[in-house]
Amino acid sequence: MSALMWELCQQQAQAGSPELQEALLNKIVCLPDHVSNKLQGKTPPVFFPQNYFPFLGGAIIQVLQKISDSLREEILSVLVPRLTDLTKSDCIWQRICWRLVECVPDRWMEAVVLGFVQRAPGADALSRLLGNLVVKNKKAQFVVTQKVLLLQYCHTTAVLQNLLGYLSLDSLRRALLIQVLQELLETWGSSSAVKHSPPEQQQYISKAILICLSHLKEPEIKSCRQELLTSMMEGVKCHLDSNLPQIRRLGMIVAESISLKINTDGPVLKFQYEEDDEARELKSLLVQAPPFCVVPSLPDDERNEKADAALPLVLESNKKSHTAAPMMPDEVSDAELDSDDDLIPYDMSEDKELKTKAPVYVRDCIEVLTGSEDVDKWEATVKALESLVRKNPAATREVSVELAKILLHLEEKTCIEGFMELRQRAQVAVLTTDPIPVAKYLTSQFYSLNYSLRQRMDILDVLVLAAQELSYPKSHGKTKHSGAQKPCIQLLPGSDSSKDWRRIVDERIKSKTRRFATGPSQVELASGPNEFNSVAGHFFFPLIQHFDRPLTTFDLLGEDHLVLGRLVHTLAILMYLAVNTVVRKAVTAMGKALLEFVWALRFHTDSYVRQGLLSCISSVLLSVPTERLLEDMTEELLETQSWLGDVVEKDPDGDCRRLALQNLLLMENLKKKLKTVPS
């Protein structure tokens, strides 16, 4: 609607047909009546007068905003470049420009300052255009030091460099630069801001901090070194506590940069994280770019002459750098006298590496893993354990719980490549071979004392991978080895299970979509019973029972929200894998319990946890039969629908808003599906 009205405004500016404009305006105003007459009582709610006209008012506001922006851009696109050229070498024009912006009324000051900041070719040009406006005018100072940096995050990196570079170019404005840095660090180090502001805004603030640091001089750093150190310690703690990898990495980069500035001679902080384009861009902001200067355009001949003149200088400097290394004196050193080069090496071409034979029985593996001092035998056992467990299911069931306990506490004795993966695959093999006893043991240990957070997350990972393998159809009665094909759901360290969850939901929706097309027939996939259905409750219910009971070293509702986020995503995936369960009461009970769990945590401050809760809603809507949803969970669904509407409108996290909207669409589809079923 706003696009249509914008086009009408453009036609009016270009002297379009007044008859067409009048007809279109009449159609827009009377659209609810036309739709109602055409559909004969089946009018969609959006075309009800109480819904349509507020929507029309919002579209009008959008068009008026576009008109305002276009007019402002037309003025400043002519004014700023011309004033930039005139003030380059003429101090009178600089005084005229300063007086011009100082006389702008307060109600228009924000638009003028923003326009100049966005269109100035660099900090030098902006300084010539605005002078010390931020020192003299309170409104301009608020826009530059507060609104653009702390209340908005839509501007580009170039705008930030212009703005903060402008503050650094005059001694009167440098006090504001220090003040801005302190306020940015205060926001960056606020745990509330880290939890409730979107990642885009936190990245924006991090960029502003790095640019400020690049403009600080040594005396200024010395004067505020203690404040910078305190802010760094508080901020890096808040960021490392976050469940989102992007937020943790932002905290690491900024903390490294502050440490580098305040400890020029001593040791500095150094974190391990992925060095990608985004990280390199952030680090490059710490190096102050040379001031931008506008070079008058030269004719092609003159430009070529200058380039040719500069080339010999570059070649000469390179030549000097290559010939600068001195030659070593021609004398024999002590190292050469002690050299062993004249000794004849042994012929080891026919030597063979002695391989330690791995155990052939599961019980022998237990003995090796618990008591053997032979490192080579221990390593061979770890590598062979998974295949041995799968080949001997009967023997494994006799010692399954004991083996699961050993693997859960197993630590790496030697440097084995892929040790974590080998141990995890062995745990999955034990759990799929004897699901009920091993699942009971692992879920009971998840809430036990004296376990690290890493071990608790390992338990969740193993439960999910085993559940998926059990739910995967077996072909020709043979068990599918985990090594043959990697599971679709990976909950390893560093992975983002919410992304995996969204992919799973998309695949499920795609599988429910009917398409009519001609072409080659698809290969028939393997089919078989879902073995996870009969054991789903043993995986699911023990995990959801004690989440609100804090232990001495484990508090899911407190500081251990990282594990809570993983738990929520795990429950969502387990719920999804229980689809098409033969006993419908079981899956209905799981869905109802999961909705109650979501309702208890719906206002959690961590965005990763909220994403998991919304994934739980999706899993319930996709896995529980439609008739059971509407008969047994009507009240819960109505409350959930209201909450999802609030999330779509108010949640600061973009992924949460998208997942909530997806859930609302799933609910609408379920309602339509129920209406089409004949009674």
Foldseek 3Di string as FASTA:
>chain_A
DLVVVLVLVVCVVVVHDPVVSVVVVVCLVCVLVVQCVVVVPPDDPCSDVVNVVVVVVVSVVVSVVVVVVVVLCVVLVPVQVVLLVVLPPDVVSLVVLQVVLLPDDLVCNLSVLVSNLQPQPFQVSSCSRHPVSLVVDVSNVCNLLPCVQPVDQPDDLRSLRNSLSNLLPDPVSVVSLVVSLLVLLVLLLDLLNLLFFALSSNLSSLLSNLLSLLSDDPVVCVVCVVVLVVSLVSNQVSQCLALDPSSNVSSQLSQQLSQCSNCVPDDTDDDDDDDDPSSVVSVVSNHDDPTDDDDPDDPPVVVVVVVVVVVVVVVVVVVCVVPVDDDDDPDDDPCNVPDPVVDDDDDCVPPDDDADDEDQAQVVLLCCQPPDPPLRRVLSSLQCQLVSCQVCLPRCVVCLQVVLVSLLPGDDPDDDVPSVVSSLLNNLSSCLSPPQVNLLNLLVVLPDPDDDLVSNLSSLQSLLQNLQLLQDADPPPGRDRCVVDPDLQGPDPPDQRLVSLVVVLVVLVVVVDDDDDDDDDDDDDHDDHRRSLVVLCSNAPSLLPCQCPADPPGHCLPSVVSSVLSSLLSLLSSLLSNAPRPPLVVNLVSLVSLLVSLVVCCPPSRPSNNSSNLSSLSSSLSRHDLVSCCPVPVVSVVVLLVSLVCQLVPRNYPSNNVSSVVSNVSVVVSVVVVVPDDD
